[in-house]
N, C-alpha and C. Protein backbone atom coordinates (compact mmCIF):
# COMPACT_ATOMS: atom_id res chain seq x y z
N MET A 1 0.85 -1.18 0.00
CA MET A 1 0.00 0.00 0.00
C MET A 1 0.89 1.24 0.00
N SER A 2 0.63 2.15 -0.93
CA SER A 2 1.45 3.37 -0.98
C SER A 2 0.80 4.47 -0.15
N ILE A 3 1.65 5.34 0.37
CA ILE A 3 1.17 6.46 1.18
C ILE A 3 1.14 7.68 0.29
N SER A 4 -0.01 8.34 0.23
CA SER A 4 -0.14 9.51 -0.63
C SER A 4 0.44 10.74 0.03
N ARG A 5 0.68 11.76 -0.79
CA ARG A 5 1.17 13.05 -0.33
C ARG A 5 0.20 13.60 0.71
N ARG A 6 -1.09 13.50 0.46
CA ARG A 6 -2.10 14.01 1.37
C ARG A 6 -2.05 13.29 2.72
N ASP A 7 -1.81 11.96 2.70
CA ASP A 7 -1.70 11.20 3.95
C ASP A 7 -0.54 11.71 4.80
N VAL A 8 0.59 11.97 4.15
CA VAL A 8 1.76 12.47 4.88
C VAL A 8 1.46 13.83 5.48
N LEU A 9 0.86 14.71 4.69
CA LEU A 9 0.57 16.05 5.19
C LEU A 9 -0.44 16.02 6.33
N LYS A 10 -1.44 15.16 6.20
CA LYS A 10 -2.43 15.04 7.29
C LYS A 10 -1.74 14.55 8.57
N SER A 11 -0.82 13.59 8.44
CA SER A 11 -0.13 13.08 9.63
C SER A 11 0.77 14.14 10.24
N LEU A 12 1.36 15.00 9.38
CA LEU A 12 2.20 16.07 9.89
C LEU A 12 1.38 17.13 10.61
N ALA A 13 0.15 17.32 10.18
CA ALA A 13 -0.66 18.41 10.70
C ALA A 13 -1.66 17.96 11.75
N VAL A 14 -1.35 16.89 12.49
CA VAL A 14 -2.29 16.37 13.46
C VAL A 14 -2.30 17.13 14.78
N SER A 15 -1.27 17.90 15.05
CA SER A 15 -1.21 18.54 16.37
C SER A 15 -2.22 19.68 16.47
N ALA A 16 -2.59 19.99 17.70
CA ALA A 16 -3.53 21.09 17.93
C ALA A 16 -2.84 22.41 17.67
N ALA A 17 -3.62 23.41 17.35
CA ALA A 17 -3.05 24.75 17.12
C ALA A 17 -2.32 25.22 18.36
N ALA A 18 -1.34 26.07 18.16
CA ALA A 18 -0.50 26.64 19.21
C ALA A 18 0.43 25.61 19.85
N THR A 19 0.73 24.53 19.13
CA THR A 19 1.69 23.53 19.59
C THR A 19 2.71 23.30 18.49
N SER A 20 3.95 23.10 18.84
CA SER A 20 4.96 22.80 17.85
C SER A 20 4.69 21.44 17.23
N VAL A 21 4.72 21.36 15.89
CA VAL A 21 4.45 20.08 15.25
C VAL A 21 5.46 19.02 15.65
N LEU A 22 6.68 19.43 15.97
CA LEU A 22 7.70 18.44 16.30
C LEU A 22 7.48 17.80 17.66
N ARG A 23 6.53 18.30 18.42
CA ARG A 23 6.19 17.64 19.69
C ARG A 23 5.35 16.40 19.45
N VAL A 24 4.74 16.30 18.27
CA VAL A 24 3.85 15.17 18.03
C VAL A 24 4.22 14.35 16.80
N ILE A 25 5.17 14.79 16.00
CA ILE A 25 5.57 14.03 14.83
C ILE A 25 7.07 13.84 14.83
N PRO A 26 7.55 12.78 14.21
CA PRO A 26 9.00 12.60 14.12
C PRO A 26 9.62 13.57 13.11
N ALA A 27 10.86 13.93 13.36
CA ALA A 27 11.55 14.87 12.47
C ALA A 27 11.65 14.32 11.06
N HIS A 28 11.76 13.00 10.89
CA HIS A 28 11.89 12.47 9.52
C HIS A 28 10.60 12.67 8.73
N ALA A 29 9.45 12.77 9.41
CA ALA A 29 8.20 13.06 8.71
C ALA A 29 8.22 14.51 8.21
N ALA A 30 8.75 15.42 9.02
CA ALA A 30 8.89 16.81 8.59
C ALA A 30 9.85 16.90 7.41
N GLU A 31 10.88 16.07 7.43
CA GLU A 31 11.83 16.06 6.31
C GLU A 31 11.12 15.65 5.02
N MET A 32 10.14 14.77 5.13
CA MET A 32 9.38 14.38 3.95
C MET A 32 8.64 15.58 3.36
N ALA A 33 8.14 16.46 4.22
CA ALA A 33 7.46 17.67 3.73
C ALA A 33 8.45 18.54 2.96
N HIS A 34 9.67 18.68 3.49
CA HIS A 34 10.70 19.45 2.77
C HIS A 34 11.01 18.81 1.42
N GLN A 35 11.03 17.49 1.37
CA GLN A 35 11.30 16.80 0.11
C GLN A 35 10.18 17.04 -0.90
N MET A 36 8.92 17.05 -0.43
CA MET A 36 7.79 17.33 -1.31
C MET A 36 7.90 18.73 -1.90
N ILE A 37 8.27 19.68 -1.05
CA ILE A 37 8.42 21.07 -1.50
C ILE A 37 9.53 21.18 -2.53
N ALA A 38 10.67 20.54 -2.25
CA ALA A 38 11.80 20.57 -3.19
C ALA A 38 11.42 19.96 -4.53
N ALA A 39 10.69 18.85 -4.48
CA ALA A 39 10.27 18.19 -5.73
C ALA A 39 9.33 19.10 -6.51
N GLU A 40 8.40 19.75 -5.82
CA GLU A 40 7.48 20.67 -6.50
C GLU A 40 8.24 21.83 -7.13
N LYS A 41 9.18 22.41 -6.39
CA LYS A 41 9.94 23.55 -6.90
C LYS A 41 10.78 23.16 -8.12
N SER A 42 11.38 21.98 -8.06
CA SER A 42 12.23 21.57 -9.19
C SER A 42 11.41 21.27 -10.43
N ALA A 43 10.14 20.87 -10.25
CA ALA A 43 9.27 20.56 -11.39
C ALA A 43 8.58 21.80 -11.96
N ALA A 44 8.51 22.88 -11.17
CA ALA A 44 7.82 24.10 -11.61
C ALA A 44 8.66 24.84 -12.65
N PRO A 45 8.00 25.44 -13.63
CA PRO A 45 8.74 26.17 -14.67
C PRO A 45 9.65 27.27 -14.11
N ALA A 46 9.17 28.01 -13.12
CA ALA A 46 9.97 29.09 -12.55
C ALA A 46 10.79 28.63 -11.34
N LYS A 47 10.76 27.31 -11.06
CA LYS A 47 11.47 26.74 -9.90
C LYS A 47 11.02 27.41 -8.60
N ALA A 48 9.75 27.77 -8.56
CA ALA A 48 9.20 28.46 -7.39
C ALA A 48 8.07 27.65 -6.78
N TYR A 49 7.85 27.87 -5.51
CA TYR A 49 6.77 27.22 -4.78
C TYR A 49 5.49 28.03 -4.95
N THR A 50 4.38 27.36 -5.17
CA THR A 50 3.08 28.02 -5.26
C THR A 50 2.32 27.77 -3.96
N PRO A 51 1.98 28.84 -3.21
CA PRO A 51 1.26 28.63 -1.94
C PRO A 51 -0.04 27.87 -2.14
N LYS A 52 -0.32 26.98 -1.18
CA LYS A 52 -1.51 26.14 -1.23
C LYS A 52 -2.66 26.73 -0.44
N PHE A 53 -2.36 27.49 0.60
CA PHE A 53 -3.41 28.05 1.45
C PHE A 53 -3.42 29.57 1.43
N PHE A 54 -2.28 30.20 1.64
CA PHE A 54 -2.23 31.65 1.81
C PHE A 54 -2.39 32.38 0.48
N SER A 55 -3.06 33.54 0.55
CA SER A 55 -3.14 34.43 -0.62
C SER A 55 -1.73 34.97 -0.89
N ALA A 56 -1.55 35.60 -2.04
CA ALA A 56 -0.23 36.15 -2.39
C ALA A 56 0.22 37.16 -1.35
N HIS A 57 -0.67 38.05 -0.92
CA HIS A 57 -0.32 39.06 0.08
C HIS A 57 0.02 38.40 1.42
N ALA A 58 -0.83 37.47 1.86
CA ALA A 58 -0.59 36.80 3.15
C ALA A 58 0.72 36.02 3.12
N TYR A 59 1.03 35.40 1.97
CA TYR A 59 2.26 34.62 1.87
C TYR A 59 3.49 35.53 1.93
N LYS A 60 3.42 36.70 1.30
CA LYS A 60 4.54 37.66 1.38
C LYS A 60 4.73 38.13 2.82
N THR A 61 3.61 38.34 3.52
CA THR A 61 3.69 38.73 4.93
C THR A 61 4.32 37.61 5.75
N LEU A 62 3.88 36.37 5.49
CA LEU A 62 4.45 35.21 6.18
C LEU A 62 5.96 35.13 5.94
N GLN A 63 6.39 35.32 4.71
CA GLN A 63 7.83 35.28 4.40
C GLN A 63 8.58 36.35 5.19
N SER A 64 8.01 37.56 5.24
CA SER A 64 8.66 38.64 5.98
C SER A 64 8.78 38.32 7.46
N LEU A 65 7.72 37.74 8.02
CA LEU A 65 7.75 37.38 9.45
C LEU A 65 8.75 36.27 9.73
N CYS A 66 8.78 35.26 8.87
CA CYS A 66 9.74 34.16 9.04
C CYS A 66 11.17 34.69 8.98
N GLN A 67 11.41 35.63 8.06
CA GLN A 67 12.74 36.24 7.94
C GLN A 67 13.10 37.00 9.21
N SER A 68 12.11 37.66 9.83
CA SER A 68 12.36 38.39 11.07
C SER A 68 12.65 37.43 12.23
N ILE A 69 12.01 36.27 12.21
CA ILE A 69 12.17 35.30 13.29
C ILE A 69 13.54 34.61 13.23
N ILE A 70 13.92 34.13 12.04
CA ILE A 70 15.24 33.50 11.88
C ILE A 70 15.89 34.10 10.62
N PRO A 71 16.59 35.22 10.80
CA PRO A 71 17.25 35.84 9.65
C PRO A 71 18.52 35.09 9.25
N ALA A 72 18.90 35.26 8.00
CA ALA A 72 20.17 34.70 7.55
C ALA A 72 21.30 35.49 8.20
N ASP A 73 22.43 34.83 8.39
CA ASP A 73 23.61 35.54 8.89
C ASP A 73 24.83 35.05 8.12
N ALA A 74 26.00 35.46 8.55
CA ALA A 74 27.23 35.10 7.84
C ALA A 74 27.51 33.61 7.89
N ASP A 75 26.97 32.91 8.89
CA ASP A 75 27.26 31.48 9.06
C ASP A 75 26.20 30.56 8.45
N SER A 76 24.99 31.08 8.27
CA SER A 76 23.91 30.19 7.85
C SER A 76 22.81 30.95 7.14
N GLY A 77 22.10 30.24 6.27
CA GLY A 77 20.87 30.80 5.72
C GLY A 77 19.83 30.88 6.82
N GLY A 78 18.80 31.66 6.58
CA GLY A 78 17.74 31.82 7.56
C GLY A 78 16.51 31.02 7.21
N ALA A 79 15.38 31.43 7.76
CA ALA A 79 14.12 30.72 7.57
C ALA A 79 13.71 30.68 6.10
N ILE A 80 13.95 31.75 5.37
CA ILE A 80 13.58 31.80 3.95
C ILE A 80 14.38 30.76 3.17
N GLU A 81 15.69 30.77 3.35
CA GLU A 81 16.56 29.84 2.63
C GLU A 81 16.27 28.39 3.01
N ALA A 82 15.84 28.18 4.24
CA ALA A 82 15.54 26.82 4.72
C ALA A 82 14.17 26.33 4.26
N GLY A 83 13.36 27.22 3.70
CA GLY A 83 12.04 26.82 3.21
C GLY A 83 10.96 26.80 4.28
N ALA A 84 11.15 27.55 5.37
CA ALA A 84 10.15 27.56 6.44
C ALA A 84 8.78 28.07 5.98
N PRO A 85 8.71 29.15 5.17
CA PRO A 85 7.38 29.60 4.74
C PRO A 85 6.64 28.54 3.92
N GLU A 86 7.35 27.83 3.04
CA GLU A 86 6.74 26.76 2.25
C GLU A 86 6.25 25.64 3.16
N PHE A 87 7.08 25.28 4.13
CA PHE A 87 6.76 24.24 5.10
C PHE A 87 5.47 24.61 5.86
N ILE A 88 5.39 25.86 6.31
CA ILE A 88 4.23 26.33 7.06
C ILE A 88 2.99 26.32 6.18
N ASP A 89 3.12 26.82 4.95
CA ASP A 89 1.97 26.85 4.04
C ASP A 89 1.47 25.44 3.74
N LEU A 90 2.39 24.53 3.48
CA LEU A 90 2.01 23.16 3.13
C LEU A 90 1.25 22.50 4.28
N LEU A 91 1.75 22.63 5.50
CA LEU A 91 1.05 22.05 6.65
C LEU A 91 -0.28 22.75 6.91
N THR A 92 -0.30 24.05 6.75
CA THR A 92 -1.53 24.81 6.98
C THR A 92 -2.62 24.43 5.98
N SER A 93 -2.22 24.07 4.77
CA SER A 93 -3.20 23.71 3.75
C SER A 93 -4.00 22.47 4.14
N GLU A 94 -3.49 21.68 5.09
CA GLU A 94 -4.16 20.44 5.49
C GLU A 94 -4.66 20.45 6.93
N ASN A 95 -4.65 21.61 7.59
CA ASN A 95 -5.05 21.66 9.00
C ASN A 95 -5.91 22.88 9.27
N LYS A 96 -7.16 22.66 9.59
CA LYS A 96 -8.10 23.77 9.82
C LYS A 96 -7.71 24.62 11.02
N ASP A 97 -7.16 24.00 12.06
CA ASP A 97 -6.73 24.78 13.22
C ASP A 97 -5.61 25.73 12.85
N TYR A 98 -4.66 25.25 12.06
CA TYR A 98 -3.57 26.12 11.60
C TYR A 98 -4.12 27.25 10.74
N GLN A 99 -5.09 26.93 9.90
CA GLN A 99 -5.68 27.95 9.02
C GLN A 99 -6.31 29.07 9.84
N VAL A 100 -7.01 28.70 10.91
CA VAL A 100 -7.63 29.71 11.77
C VAL A 100 -6.56 30.52 12.50
N THR A 101 -5.59 29.83 13.10
CA THR A 101 -4.56 30.51 13.89
C THR A 101 -3.68 31.41 13.02
N LEU A 102 -3.17 30.87 11.92
CA LEU A 102 -2.25 31.64 11.09
C LEU A 102 -2.98 32.63 10.18
N GLY A 103 -4.05 32.16 9.54
CA GLY A 103 -4.82 33.07 8.68
C GLY A 103 -5.41 34.22 9.48
N GLY A 104 -6.01 33.88 10.63
CA GLY A 104 -6.57 34.91 11.51
C GLY A 104 -5.50 35.82 12.07
N GLY A 105 -4.35 35.26 12.41
CA GLY A 105 -3.25 36.07 12.95
C GLY A 105 -2.71 37.07 11.95
N LEU A 106 -2.59 36.65 10.70
CA LEU A 106 -2.12 37.57 9.66
C LEU A 106 -3.13 38.69 9.42
N MET A 107 -4.42 38.35 9.47
CA MET A 107 -5.45 39.39 9.33
C MET A 107 -5.40 40.34 10.53
N TRP A 108 -5.22 39.79 11.74
CA TRP A 108 -5.10 40.63 12.93
C TRP A 108 -3.93 41.58 12.79
N LEU A 109 -2.79 41.08 12.31
CA LEU A 109 -1.59 41.90 12.18
C LEU A 109 -1.83 43.06 11.22
N ASP A 110 -2.40 42.77 10.06
CA ASP A 110 -2.67 43.85 9.10
C ASP A 110 -3.68 44.85 9.65
N SER A 111 -4.71 44.35 10.31
CA SER A 111 -5.73 45.24 10.88
C SER A 111 -5.13 46.13 11.97
N THR A 112 -4.32 45.55 12.84
CA THR A 112 -3.70 46.31 13.92
C THR A 112 -2.73 47.35 13.37
N CYS A 113 -1.95 46.97 12.37
CA CYS A 113 -1.03 47.93 11.75
C CYS A 113 -1.81 49.05 11.07
N SER A 114 -2.92 48.71 10.43
CA SER A 114 -3.76 49.75 9.79
C SER A 114 -4.29 50.73 10.83
N ASP A 115 -4.71 50.20 11.99
CA ASP A 115 -5.21 51.07 13.05
C ASP A 115 -4.11 51.95 13.63
N ARG A 116 -2.92 51.37 13.82
CA ARG A 116 -1.83 52.11 14.46
C ARG A 116 -1.05 53.01 13.51
N TYR A 117 -0.81 52.51 12.30
CA TYR A 117 0.09 53.21 11.38
C TYR A 117 -0.58 53.67 10.08
N GLY A 118 -1.83 53.26 9.87
CA GLY A 118 -2.53 53.65 8.66
C GLY A 118 -2.15 52.84 7.44
N LYS A 119 -1.50 51.69 7.63
CA LYS A 119 -1.12 50.84 6.51
C LYS A 119 -0.90 49.41 7.00
N VAL A 120 -0.97 48.45 6.06
CA VAL A 120 -0.78 47.04 6.43
C VAL A 120 0.68 46.79 6.79
N TYR A 121 0.93 45.64 7.42
CA TYR A 121 2.26 45.32 7.94
C TYR A 121 3.36 45.48 6.89
N LEU A 122 3.17 44.92 5.70
CA LEU A 122 4.23 44.98 4.68
C LEU A 122 4.55 46.40 4.23
N ASP A 123 3.59 47.30 4.33
CA ASP A 123 3.81 48.69 3.92
C ASP A 123 4.38 49.56 5.04
N CYS A 124 4.47 49.01 6.24
CA CYS A 124 5.02 49.76 7.37
C CYS A 124 6.53 49.92 7.21
N THR A 125 7.07 50.93 7.88
CA THR A 125 8.52 51.11 7.88
C THR A 125 9.16 50.01 8.72
N PRO A 126 10.44 49.74 8.53
CA PRO A 126 11.10 48.74 9.38
C PRO A 126 10.96 49.03 10.88
N ASP A 127 10.99 50.30 11.27
CA ASP A 127 10.83 50.64 12.68
C ASP A 127 9.42 50.32 13.18
N GLN A 128 8.41 50.57 12.34
CA GLN A 128 7.04 50.25 12.72
C GLN A 128 6.84 48.73 12.81
N GLN A 129 7.41 48.00 11.87
CA GLN A 129 7.33 46.53 11.91
C GLN A 129 7.98 46.01 13.18
N LYS A 130 9.15 46.53 13.51
CA LYS A 130 9.84 46.09 14.73
C LYS A 130 9.02 46.43 15.96
N GLU A 131 8.42 47.60 15.98
CA GLU A 131 7.62 48.01 17.13
C GLU A 131 6.44 47.06 17.38
N ILE A 132 5.71 46.69 16.32
CA ILE A 132 4.56 45.80 16.52
C ILE A 132 5.02 44.39 16.87
N LEU A 133 6.11 43.92 16.25
CA LEU A 133 6.62 42.59 16.59
C LEU A 133 7.14 42.53 18.02
N ASP A 134 7.77 43.61 18.48
CA ASP A 134 8.23 43.66 19.87
C ASP A 134 7.04 43.57 20.84
N LYS A 135 5.91 44.14 20.44
CA LYS A 135 4.72 44.10 21.31
C LYS A 135 4.13 42.70 21.38
N ILE A 136 4.12 41.96 20.26
CA ILE A 136 3.48 40.64 20.27
C ILE A 136 4.46 39.50 20.54
N ALA A 137 5.72 39.84 20.73
CA ALA A 137 6.72 38.80 20.99
C ALA A 137 6.72 38.33 22.45
N TYR A 138 6.08 39.09 23.33
CA TYR A 138 6.14 38.77 24.76
C TYR A 138 4.75 38.69 25.36
N ARG A 139 4.47 37.59 26.06
CA ARG A 139 3.16 37.40 26.68
C ARG A 139 2.84 38.47 27.72
N LYS A 140 3.86 38.99 28.38
CA LYS A 140 3.62 40.01 29.41
C LYS A 140 2.95 41.25 28.83
N ASN A 141 3.19 41.53 27.54
CA ASN A 141 2.57 42.70 26.91
C ASN A 141 1.06 42.53 26.80
N ALA A 142 0.60 41.29 26.63
CA ALA A 142 -0.84 41.04 26.53
C ALA A 142 -1.52 41.21 27.88
N ILE A 143 -0.77 41.05 28.96
CA ILE A 143 -1.34 41.28 30.30
C ILE A 143 -1.64 42.77 30.47
N ALA A 144 -0.72 43.59 30.01
CA ALA A 144 -0.90 45.04 30.12
C ALA A 144 -1.91 45.57 29.11
N ASP A 145 -2.02 44.92 27.94
CA ASP A 145 -2.91 45.38 26.87
C ASP A 145 -3.61 44.16 26.26
N SER A 146 -4.84 43.91 26.69
CA SER A 146 -5.55 42.70 26.25
C SER A 146 -5.85 42.69 24.75
N SER A 147 -5.76 43.85 24.08
CA SER A 147 -5.99 43.87 22.64
C SER A 147 -4.87 43.15 21.88
N LEU A 148 -3.78 42.83 22.57
CA LEU A 148 -2.65 42.13 21.95
C LEU A 148 -2.76 40.61 22.09
N ASN A 149 -3.77 40.10 22.82
CA ASN A 149 -3.87 38.67 23.08
C ASN A 149 -3.78 37.82 21.82
N GLN A 150 -4.59 38.13 20.81
CA GLN A 150 -4.57 37.32 19.59
C GLN A 150 -3.22 37.42 18.89
N GLY A 151 -2.65 38.61 18.87
CA GLY A 151 -1.35 38.79 18.22
C GLY A 151 -0.24 38.01 18.92
N VAL A 152 -0.27 38.00 20.25
CA VAL A 152 0.74 37.26 21.02
C VAL A 152 0.61 35.77 20.77
N ALA A 153 -0.62 35.25 20.79
CA ALA A 153 -0.84 33.82 20.55
C ALA A 153 -0.42 33.45 19.13
N PHE A 154 -0.77 34.28 18.16
CA PHE A 154 -0.39 34.04 16.77
C PHE A 154 1.12 34.01 16.59
N PHE A 155 1.80 35.01 17.15
CA PHE A 155 3.25 35.11 16.92
C PHE A 155 4.00 33.99 17.64
N SER A 156 3.51 33.58 18.79
CA SER A 156 4.12 32.45 19.49
C SER A 156 4.01 31.18 18.65
N PHE A 157 2.84 30.95 18.10
CA PHE A 157 2.62 29.78 17.24
C PHE A 157 3.50 29.85 16.00
N LEU A 158 3.56 31.03 15.39
CA LEU A 158 4.36 31.20 14.17
C LEU A 158 5.85 30.97 14.45
N ARG A 159 6.33 31.42 15.61
CA ARG A 159 7.74 31.17 15.97
C ARG A 159 8.01 29.67 16.04
N ASN A 160 7.10 28.91 16.67
CA ASN A 160 7.27 27.46 16.75
C ASN A 160 7.30 26.84 15.36
N MET A 161 6.37 27.24 14.51
CA MET A 161 6.30 26.68 13.16
C MET A 161 7.54 27.04 12.34
N THR A 162 8.01 28.27 12.49
CA THR A 162 9.21 28.70 11.77
C THR A 162 10.43 27.91 12.24
N ALA A 163 10.54 27.72 13.54
CA ALA A 163 11.65 26.91 14.07
C ALA A 163 11.56 25.47 13.58
N ASP A 164 10.34 24.91 13.56
CA ASP A 164 10.16 23.55 13.04
C ASP A 164 10.61 23.46 11.59
N GLY A 165 10.15 24.43 10.78
CA GLY A 165 10.53 24.43 9.36
C GLY A 165 12.02 24.60 9.16
N PHE A 166 12.64 25.44 9.98
CA PHE A 166 14.08 25.69 9.85
C PHE A 166 14.91 24.50 10.32
N PHE A 167 14.65 24.01 11.52
CA PHE A 167 15.51 22.99 12.12
C PHE A 167 15.29 21.58 11.58
N THR A 168 14.26 21.39 10.74
CA THR A 168 14.10 20.09 10.07
C THR A 168 14.59 20.15 8.63
N SER A 169 15.14 21.28 8.23
CA SER A 169 15.67 21.43 6.87
C SER A 169 17.16 21.08 6.85
N GLN A 170 17.70 20.92 5.66
CA GLN A 170 19.14 20.65 5.54
C GLN A 170 19.96 21.80 6.11
N ILE A 171 19.51 23.03 5.90
CA ILE A 171 20.21 24.20 6.46
C ILE A 171 20.18 24.14 7.99
N GLY A 172 19.03 23.77 8.54
CA GLY A 172 18.91 23.67 10.00
C GLY A 172 19.79 22.58 10.58
N PHE A 173 19.83 21.41 9.90
CA PHE A 173 20.71 20.33 10.36
C PHE A 173 22.16 20.79 10.37
N LYS A 174 22.55 21.47 9.30
CA LYS A 174 23.93 21.94 9.19
C LYS A 174 24.23 22.98 10.28
N TYR A 175 23.27 23.88 10.50
CA TYR A 175 23.44 24.91 11.52
C TYR A 175 23.65 24.30 12.91
N LEU A 176 22.91 23.22 13.19
CA LEU A 176 23.04 22.55 14.49
C LEU A 176 24.31 21.71 14.60
N GLY A 177 24.97 21.48 13.47
CA GLY A 177 26.15 20.62 13.50
C GLY A 177 25.79 19.16 13.63
N TYR A 178 24.57 18.81 13.17
CA TYR A 178 24.09 17.43 13.27
C TYR A 178 24.95 16.50 12.42
N VAL A 179 25.44 15.43 13.02
CA VAL A 179 26.32 14.50 12.30
C VAL A 179 25.67 13.14 12.12
N GLY A 180 24.45 12.97 12.63
CA GLY A 180 23.76 11.69 12.46
C GLY A 180 24.32 10.62 13.39
N ASN A 181 24.17 9.39 12.99
CA ASN A 181 24.59 8.25 13.80
C ASN A 181 26.08 7.99 13.57
N THR A 182 26.89 8.87 14.14
CA THR A 182 28.33 8.82 13.94
C THR A 182 29.03 8.69 15.29
N PHE A 183 29.99 7.79 15.36
CA PHE A 183 30.75 7.60 16.59
C PHE A 183 31.61 8.83 16.88
N VAL A 184 31.57 9.30 18.12
CA VAL A 184 32.46 10.38 18.55
C VAL A 184 33.23 9.89 19.77
N LYS A 185 34.51 10.25 19.84
CA LYS A 185 35.36 9.77 20.92
C LYS A 185 35.04 10.42 22.26
N GLU A 186 34.59 11.67 22.22
CA GLU A 186 34.26 12.34 23.47
C GLU A 186 33.08 13.30 23.24
N PHE A 187 32.31 13.52 24.29
CA PHE A 187 31.17 14.43 24.21
C PHE A 187 31.58 15.77 24.77
N PRO A 188 31.57 16.80 23.95
CA PRO A 188 32.05 18.13 24.43
C PRO A 188 31.06 18.83 25.35
N GLY A 189 29.89 18.27 25.54
CA GLY A 189 28.89 18.89 26.41
C GLY A 189 27.93 19.73 25.60
N CYS A 190 26.89 20.17 26.30
CA CYS A 190 25.87 20.99 25.65
C CYS A 190 26.38 22.43 25.50
N PRO A 191 25.90 23.10 24.47
CA PRO A 191 26.30 24.52 24.35
C PRO A 191 25.69 25.34 25.47
N PRO A 192 26.24 26.52 25.74
CA PRO A 192 25.67 27.34 26.79
C PRO A 192 24.25 27.77 26.44
N ALA A 193 23.44 28.01 27.46
CA ALA A 193 22.06 28.46 27.21
C ALA A 193 22.10 29.82 26.54
N PRO A 194 21.17 30.05 25.58
CA PRO A 194 21.15 31.35 24.92
C PRO A 194 20.80 32.44 25.91
N GLU A 195 21.33 33.61 25.69
CA GLU A 195 21.04 34.73 26.59
C GLU A 195 19.61 35.19 26.40
N ALA A 196 19.01 35.67 27.47
CA ALA A 196 17.60 36.14 27.40
C ALA A 196 17.52 37.41 26.58
């Protein structure tokens, strides 16, 4: 019995909204999603991914947010290069909870930016984008301002999804220094905890 593309995507998207998919699925299943995306891109005339769920505007916003969450640096590609937006779109296309959380969150973001700055998120200046992301990046801000609740929940979920898409990609494996099932003579210990 063969497993269809839809079966794999449904199994990847079984977790409840606001939970990291890697808490409920094996990393090799997420790798299969990356392989599906790569195969689609290589077969497309423009070698580009076509979003399955998000509108063109929402997908551009998603790409911008993923880039802000894990930007490229001198040592590694970021979320865009790792295919995190494609990964998120593909899983969202098969999960109604993700559609509500991410689709609703992107609408909330544009609406909030329109109220605050008179324009949607993508049209805001970099300083305005940073200001709104700084507000929704921390749960404590929603305690002080309950109008941020949906934005905080959305951005927390999106960070998890972006990290899942990044760290299950070849770029993410390389960034982590993953060597697979390889014998090592000594264990150098865990890296230091990231600074707050």
